[in-house]
């Protein structure tokens, strides 16, 4: 899990373990979901609008048909990424650390 330090020095994990959100912290997580990017078959790169849409998300989930790990690298510049591989993804992606 991903947690950041709260304003009072406690991590979100400490506060959540105690059953309460940290003071001044929003306990909700914003998740961006994307699928079927099919790069480079559908396009040469991710549309620039993706960075705008996912601005401020805490995590990006890619639901498959990534095709190239460079897509995950680009998404990871926005937020941490986890991936579920699709039926058209290559064997090379099976070893990627972001695949769950």
N, C-alpha and C. Protein backbone atom coordinates (compact mmCIF):
# COMPACT_ATOMS: atom_id res chain seq x y z
N UNK A 1 0.83 -1.18 0.00
CA UNK A 1 0.00 0.00 0.00
C UNK A 1 0.87 1.24 0.00
N UNK A 2 0.33 2.31 -0.49
CA UNK A 2 1.05 3.56 -0.56
C UNK A 2 0.49 4.52 0.47
N UNK A 3 1.35 5.07 1.33
CA UNK A 3 0.92 6.01 2.35
C UNK A 3 1.90 7.15 2.42
N UNK A 4 1.40 8.33 2.72
CA UNK A 4 2.26 9.49 2.89
C UNK A 4 2.19 9.98 4.32
N UNK A 5 3.17 10.76 4.72
CA UNK A 5 3.17 11.31 6.08
C UNK A 5 2.14 12.41 6.20
N UNK A 6 1.41 12.42 7.28
CA UNK A 6 0.40 13.45 7.53
C UNK A 6 1.04 14.70 8.08
N UNK A 7 0.24 15.74 8.23
CA UNK A 7 0.74 17.03 8.72
C UNK A 7 1.25 16.94 10.15
N UNK A 8 0.73 16.00 10.92
CA UNK A 8 1.15 15.88 12.32
C UNK A 8 2.31 14.90 12.50
N UNK A 9 2.92 14.47 11.41
CA UNK A 9 4.05 13.56 11.48
C UNK A 9 3.67 12.09 11.47
N UNK A 10 2.41 11.80 11.67
CA UNK A 10 1.95 10.41 11.60
C UNK A 10 1.74 10.05 10.14
N UNK A 11 2.01 8.80 9.83
CA UNK A 11 1.71 8.35 8.47
C UNK A 11 0.22 8.03 8.40
N UNK A 12 -0.32 8.01 7.18
CA UNK A 12 -1.72 7.64 7.02
C UNK A 12 -1.95 6.22 7.54
N UNK A 13 -0.93 5.36 7.38
CA UNK A 13 -1.05 3.99 7.88
C UNK A 13 -1.26 3.99 9.39
N UNK A 14 -0.52 4.83 10.14
CA UNK A 14 -0.68 4.93 11.59
C UNK A 14 -2.10 5.35 11.95
N UNK A 15 -2.60 6.36 11.25
CA UNK A 15 -3.94 6.86 11.54
C UNK A 15 -5.00 5.82 11.19
N UNK A 16 -4.84 5.18 10.03
CA UNK A 16 -5.82 4.18 9.63
C UNK A 16 -5.80 2.98 10.56
N UNK A 17 -4.60 2.61 11.03
CA UNK A 17 -4.51 1.52 12.01
C UNK A 17 -5.26 1.88 13.28
N UNK A 18 -5.27 3.16 13.62
CA UNK A 18 -5.99 3.63 14.80
C UNK A 18 -7.48 3.79 14.51
N UNK A 19 -7.87 3.65 13.26
CA UNK A 19 -9.27 3.73 12.89
C UNK A 19 -9.78 5.13 12.62
N UNK A 20 -8.88 6.10 12.53
CA UNK A 20 -9.30 7.48 12.27
C UNK A 20 -8.39 8.11 11.23
N UNK A 21 -8.91 9.01 10.39
CA UNK A 21 -8.05 9.72 9.45
C UNK A 21 -7.14 10.69 10.20
N UNK A 22 -5.99 10.96 9.64
CA UNK A 22 -5.08 11.95 10.22
C UNK A 22 -5.75 13.32 10.15
N UNK A 23 -5.55 14.16 11.15
CA UNK A 23 -6.12 15.52 11.10
C UNK A 23 -5.63 16.25 9.84
N UNK A 24 -6.54 16.88 9.15
CA UNK A 24 -6.19 17.65 7.96
C UNK A 24 -5.93 16.79 6.73
N UNK A 25 -6.13 15.50 6.84
CA UNK A 25 -5.89 14.61 5.71
C UNK A 25 -7.21 14.06 5.18
N UNK A 26 -7.30 13.92 3.89
CA UNK A 26 -8.46 13.31 3.26
C UNK A 26 -8.14 11.83 3.10
N UNK A 27 -8.89 10.95 3.74
CA UNK A 27 -8.54 9.53 3.71
C UNK A 27 -8.90 8.84 2.39
N UNK A 28 -9.57 9.54 1.50
CA UNK A 28 -9.96 8.92 0.24
C UNK A 28 -8.78 8.84 -0.72
N UNK A 29 -8.80 7.83 -1.56
CA UNK A 29 -7.77 7.65 -2.59
C UNK A 29 -8.43 7.85 -3.94
N UNK A 30 -7.81 8.66 -4.79
CA UNK A 30 -8.30 8.87 -6.15
C UNK A 30 -7.57 7.91 -7.07
N UNK A 31 -8.32 7.10 -7.80
CA UNK A 31 -7.74 6.09 -8.68
C UNK A 31 -8.15 6.39 -10.11
N UNK A 32 -7.16 6.43 -11.00
CA UNK A 32 -7.42 6.58 -12.43
C UNK A 32 -7.42 5.20 -13.08
N UNK A 33 -8.37 4.93 -13.93
CA UNK A 33 -8.49 3.64 -14.60
C UNK A 33 -8.38 3.84 -16.11
N UNK A 34 -7.52 3.03 -16.71
CA UNK A 34 -7.33 3.11 -18.16
C UNK A 34 -7.20 1.68 -18.68
N UNK A 35 -7.59 1.46 -19.90
CA UNK A 35 -7.50 0.13 -20.50
C UNK A 35 -7.35 0.23 -22.01
N UNK A 36 -6.91 -0.84 -22.59
CA UNK A 36 -6.83 -0.98 -24.05
C UNK A 36 -6.12 0.18 -24.74
N UNK A 37 -4.93 0.52 -24.25
CA UNK A 37 -4.19 1.61 -24.89
C UNK A 37 -3.62 1.19 -26.25
N UNK A 38 -3.32 -0.09 -26.42
CA UNK A 38 -2.91 -0.64 -27.72
C UNK A 38 -1.81 0.16 -28.41
N UNK A 39 -0.81 0.59 -27.65
CA UNK A 39 0.27 1.39 -28.24
C UNK A 39 1.42 0.45 -28.60
N UNK A 40 1.92 0.46 -29.79
CA UNK A 40 1.82 1.47 -30.86
C UNK A 40 0.79 1.18 -31.93
N UNK A 41 -0.02 0.12 -31.80
CA UNK A 41 -0.96 -0.22 -32.87
C UNK A 41 -2.05 0.85 -33.06
N UNK A 42 -2.65 1.32 -31.98
CA UNK A 42 -3.75 2.29 -32.09
C UNK A 42 -3.25 3.72 -32.24
N UNK A 43 -2.09 4.01 -31.64
CA UNK A 43 -1.51 5.36 -31.69
C UNK A 43 -0.03 5.23 -31.35
N UNK A 44 0.75 6.23 -31.68
CA UNK A 44 2.17 6.22 -31.40
C UNK A 44 2.50 6.44 -29.93
N UNK A 45 1.60 7.13 -29.23
CA UNK A 45 1.84 7.45 -27.82
C UNK A 45 0.49 7.74 -27.15
N UNK A 46 0.52 7.83 -25.83
CA UNK A 46 -0.70 8.19 -25.11
C UNK A 46 -1.12 9.61 -25.47
N UNK A 47 -2.39 9.85 -25.58
CA UNK A 47 -2.84 11.23 -25.82
C UNK A 47 -2.42 12.15 -24.67
N UNK A 48 -2.03 13.36 -24.97
CA UNK A 48 -1.59 14.32 -23.95
C UNK A 48 -2.67 14.57 -22.91
N UNK A 49 -3.90 14.43 -23.29
CA UNK A 49 -5.03 14.67 -22.39
C UNK A 49 -5.04 13.70 -21.20
N UNK A 50 -4.41 12.55 -21.34
CA UNK A 50 -4.37 11.57 -20.25
C UNK A 50 -3.73 12.19 -19.01
N UNK A 51 -2.62 12.91 -19.18
CA UNK A 51 -1.95 13.54 -18.04
C UNK A 51 -2.88 14.56 -17.38
N UNK A 52 -3.64 15.27 -18.17
CA UNK A 52 -4.59 16.26 -17.63
C UNK A 52 -5.72 15.57 -16.86
N UNK A 53 -6.25 14.51 -17.43
CA UNK A 53 -7.36 13.79 -16.80
C UNK A 53 -6.92 13.14 -15.49
N UNK A 54 -5.72 12.58 -15.47
CA UNK A 54 -5.22 11.87 -14.29
C UNK A 54 -4.47 12.76 -13.31
N UNK A 55 -4.42 14.04 -13.57
CA UNK A 55 -3.74 14.96 -12.65
C UNK A 55 -4.37 14.86 -11.26
N UNK A 56 -3.55 14.57 -10.26
CA UNK A 56 -4.03 14.50 -8.88
C UNK A 56 -4.46 13.12 -8.42
N UNK A 57 -4.41 12.11 -9.31
CA UNK A 57 -4.78 10.77 -8.85
C UNK A 57 -3.66 10.21 -7.99
N UNK A 58 -4.00 9.31 -7.09
CA UNK A 58 -3.03 8.68 -6.21
C UNK A 58 -2.48 7.39 -6.78
N UNK A 59 -3.22 6.79 -7.71
CA UNK A 59 -2.84 5.50 -8.29
C UNK A 59 -3.51 5.37 -9.65
N UNK A 60 -2.80 4.75 -10.59
CA UNK A 60 -3.39 4.45 -11.90
C UNK A 60 -3.44 2.94 -12.05
N UNK A 61 -4.62 2.44 -12.40
CA UNK A 61 -4.79 1.03 -12.71
C UNK A 61 -4.95 0.89 -14.22
N UNK A 62 -4.11 0.07 -14.84
CA UNK A 62 -4.25 -0.21 -16.27
C UNK A 62 -4.86 -1.60 -16.35
N UNK A 63 -6.02 -1.72 -16.97
CA UNK A 63 -6.78 -2.96 -16.98
C UNK A 63 -6.49 -3.86 -18.18
N UNK A 64 -5.37 -3.66 -18.84
CA UNK A 64 -4.95 -4.61 -19.86
C UNK A 64 -4.86 -4.08 -21.26
N UNK A 65 -4.21 -4.89 -22.10
CA UNK A 65 -3.87 -4.55 -23.48
C UNK A 65 -3.01 -3.29 -23.52
N UNK A 66 -1.92 -3.36 -22.76
CA UNK A 66 -0.93 -2.28 -22.68
C UNK A 66 -0.07 -2.28 -23.94
N UNK A 67 0.44 -3.46 -24.30
CA UNK A 67 1.33 -3.75 -25.43
C UNK A 67 2.79 -3.41 -25.14
N UNK A 68 3.11 -2.23 -24.61
CA UNK A 68 4.50 -1.82 -24.38
C UNK A 68 4.69 -1.27 -22.98
N UNK A 69 5.80 -1.65 -22.35
CA UNK A 69 6.07 -1.15 -21.00
C UNK A 69 6.31 0.35 -20.98
N UNK A 70 6.66 0.94 -22.12
CA UNK A 70 6.86 2.40 -22.17
C UNK A 70 5.56 3.14 -21.83
N UNK A 71 4.41 2.54 -22.10
CA UNK A 71 3.13 3.13 -21.73
C UNK A 71 3.04 3.24 -20.20
N UNK A 72 3.47 2.18 -19.52
CA UNK A 72 3.44 2.17 -18.06
C UNK A 72 4.43 3.19 -17.50
N UNK A 73 5.60 3.30 -18.15
CA UNK A 73 6.59 4.30 -17.73
C UNK A 73 6.01 5.71 -17.82
N UNK A 74 5.30 5.97 -18.91
CA UNK A 74 4.71 7.29 -19.11
C UNK A 74 3.62 7.56 -18.07
N UNK A 75 2.78 6.57 -17.81
CA UNK A 75 1.74 6.72 -16.79
C UNK A 75 2.34 6.90 -15.40
N UNK A 76 3.46 6.24 -15.15
CA UNK A 76 4.09 6.31 -13.83
C UNK A 76 4.68 7.68 -13.54
N UNK A 77 4.87 8.49 -14.58
CA UNK A 77 5.31 9.87 -14.35
C UNK A 77 4.18 10.69 -13.71
N UNK A 78 2.95 10.19 -13.83
CA UNK A 78 1.78 10.87 -13.27
C UNK A 78 1.50 10.36 -11.85
N UNK A 79 1.51 9.03 -11.68
CA UNK A 79 1.19 8.40 -10.39
C UNK A 79 1.68 6.95 -10.43
N UNK A 80 1.80 6.30 -9.28
CA UNK A 80 2.16 4.88 -9.29
C UNK A 80 1.15 4.08 -10.12
N UNK A 81 1.62 3.00 -10.73
CA UNK A 81 0.82 2.22 -11.67
C UNK A 81 0.79 0.75 -11.26
N UNK A 82 -0.38 0.14 -11.35
CA UNK A 82 -0.55 -1.31 -11.24
C UNK A 82 -1.26 -1.77 -12.50
N UNK A 83 -0.96 -3.01 -12.93
CA UNK A 83 -1.47 -3.50 -14.21
C UNK A 83 -2.06 -4.90 -14.07
N UNK A 84 -3.18 -5.11 -14.72
CA UNK A 84 -3.71 -6.45 -14.98
C UNK A 84 -3.55 -6.66 -16.47
N UNK A 85 -2.83 -7.69 -16.86
CA UNK A 85 -2.56 -7.89 -18.28
C UNK A 85 -3.81 -8.33 -19.03
N UNK A 86 -3.87 -7.93 -20.29
CA UNK A 86 -4.99 -8.29 -21.14
C UNK A 86 -4.65 -9.47 -22.03
N UNK A 87 -5.61 -9.93 -22.79
CA UNK A 87 -5.42 -11.10 -23.63
C UNK A 87 -4.46 -10.87 -24.79
N UNK A 88 -4.18 -9.63 -25.14
CA UNK A 88 -3.26 -9.33 -26.24
C UNK A 88 -1.89 -8.85 -25.76
N UNK A 89 -1.65 -8.82 -24.46
CA UNK A 89 -0.35 -8.35 -23.96
C UNK A 89 0.73 -9.40 -24.17
N UNK A 90 1.95 -8.94 -24.43
CA UNK A 90 3.05 -9.85 -24.74
C UNK A 90 3.63 -10.48 -23.48
N UNK A 91 4.31 -11.59 -23.67
CA UNK A 91 4.95 -12.31 -22.58
C UNK A 91 5.98 -11.42 -21.88
N UNK A 92 6.59 -10.50 -22.60
CA UNK A 92 7.58 -9.60 -22.01
C UNK A 92 7.04 -8.76 -20.86
N UNK A 93 5.76 -8.46 -20.88
CA UNK A 93 5.16 -7.66 -19.81
C UNK A 93 4.90 -8.47 -18.54
N UNK A 94 4.91 -9.79 -18.63
CA UNK A 94 4.61 -10.63 -17.48
C UNK A 94 5.60 -10.42 -16.35
N UNK A 95 6.82 -10.02 -16.66
CA UNK A 95 7.84 -9.82 -15.64
C UNK A 95 7.92 -8.40 -15.13
N UNK A 96 7.10 -7.52 -15.66
CA UNK A 96 7.14 -6.12 -15.24
C UNK A 96 6.71 -6.01 -13.78
N UNK A 97 7.44 -5.26 -12.99
CA UNK A 97 7.17 -5.13 -11.54
C UNK A 97 5.80 -4.57 -11.23
N UNK A 98 5.17 -3.90 -12.21
CA UNK A 98 3.87 -3.28 -11.97
C UNK A 98 2.69 -4.22 -12.21
N UNK A 99 2.98 -5.41 -12.74
CA UNK A 99 1.92 -6.37 -13.04
C UNK A 99 1.48 -7.06 -11.75
N UNK A 100 0.20 -7.04 -11.52
CA UNK A 100 -0.39 -7.70 -10.33
C UNK A 100 -1.30 -8.82 -10.77
